[in-house]
Amino acid sequence: MRVPTHPTLIRQRLNARIRQFAARGPVLAASLVKIARRCGRPGCHCNTGELHVGHYLSYKVAGKTRLVYVPVDLVEEVEGWVAEHRRLRQLTREITQLALAQIRGHVAARKRRAGRTST
């Protein structure tokens, strides 16, 4: 994201991002992965070709990766939850950048204002 330098533009963009920062549904801090596996049964078709495909949520707990099976009928819904987390995480980054730019520009703006009044 390109951060503007003018304080008014910074404030406008910051306020716009803050208004967007409401969750539109459940938020899931995980990754949805598709895993293809062999089941191990001797007569199964997965031993000779097509593997069994399953969807799993991957997330960390105390530094360890955990997987949770996602049923086929919930995959689309869970994808939306994960996408919502990604959207909010990106908004957080943008809000942080704009807030830092506002802080950095505050001193320069105050000096400009002080320079105008001291004549």
Foldseek 3Di string as FASTA:
>chain_A
DDQDQDLVVLVVVLVVLVVVLDQPDAADQWDKDKDFDAPPDPVDPCVPDGTDIWIWTWDDDPRDIDIDTDDPVCVVVVVVNHVSNVVNVVSVVSSVVSVVSNVVSPVVVVVVVVVVPPD
